[in-house]
Amino acid sequence: NVDMPILQTLSEHITASSAVPLK
């Protein structure tokens, strides 16, 4: 989303967290 780049960043962060869960 061009209007909400933050959402894209969060989406990528969530994907990375899901790929490498750091608990």
Protein backbone atom coordinates (compact mmCIF):
# COMPACT_ATOMS: atom_id res chain seq x y z
CA ASN A 1 0.00 0.00 0.00
CA VAL A 2 1.48 3.30 -1.10
CA ASP A 3 -0.73 5.26 1.29
CA MET A 4 0.20 3.09 4.23
CA PRO A 5 3.82 1.93 3.89
CA ILE A 6 3.77 1.20 7.61
CA LEU A 7 1.28 -1.61 7.03
CA GLN A 8 3.66 -3.15 4.50
CA THR A 9 6.53 -2.87 6.98
CA LEU A 10 4.42 -4.44 9.72
CA SER A 11 3.35 -7.19 7.34
CA GLU A 12 6.98 -7.95 6.49
CA HIS A 13 7.92 -7.86 10.18
CA ILE A 14 5.09 -10.25 11.05
CA THR A 15 6.18 -12.58 8.24
CA ALA A 16 9.77 -12.49 9.49
CA SER A 17 8.59 -13.12 13.05
CA SER A 18 6.53 -16.06 11.85
CA ALA A 19 9.49 -17.44 9.91
CA VAL A 20 11.87 -16.96 12.84
CA PRO A 21 9.89 -16.81 16.08
CA LEU A 22 11.92 -15.16 18.83
CA LYS A 23 10.33 -15.88 22.16
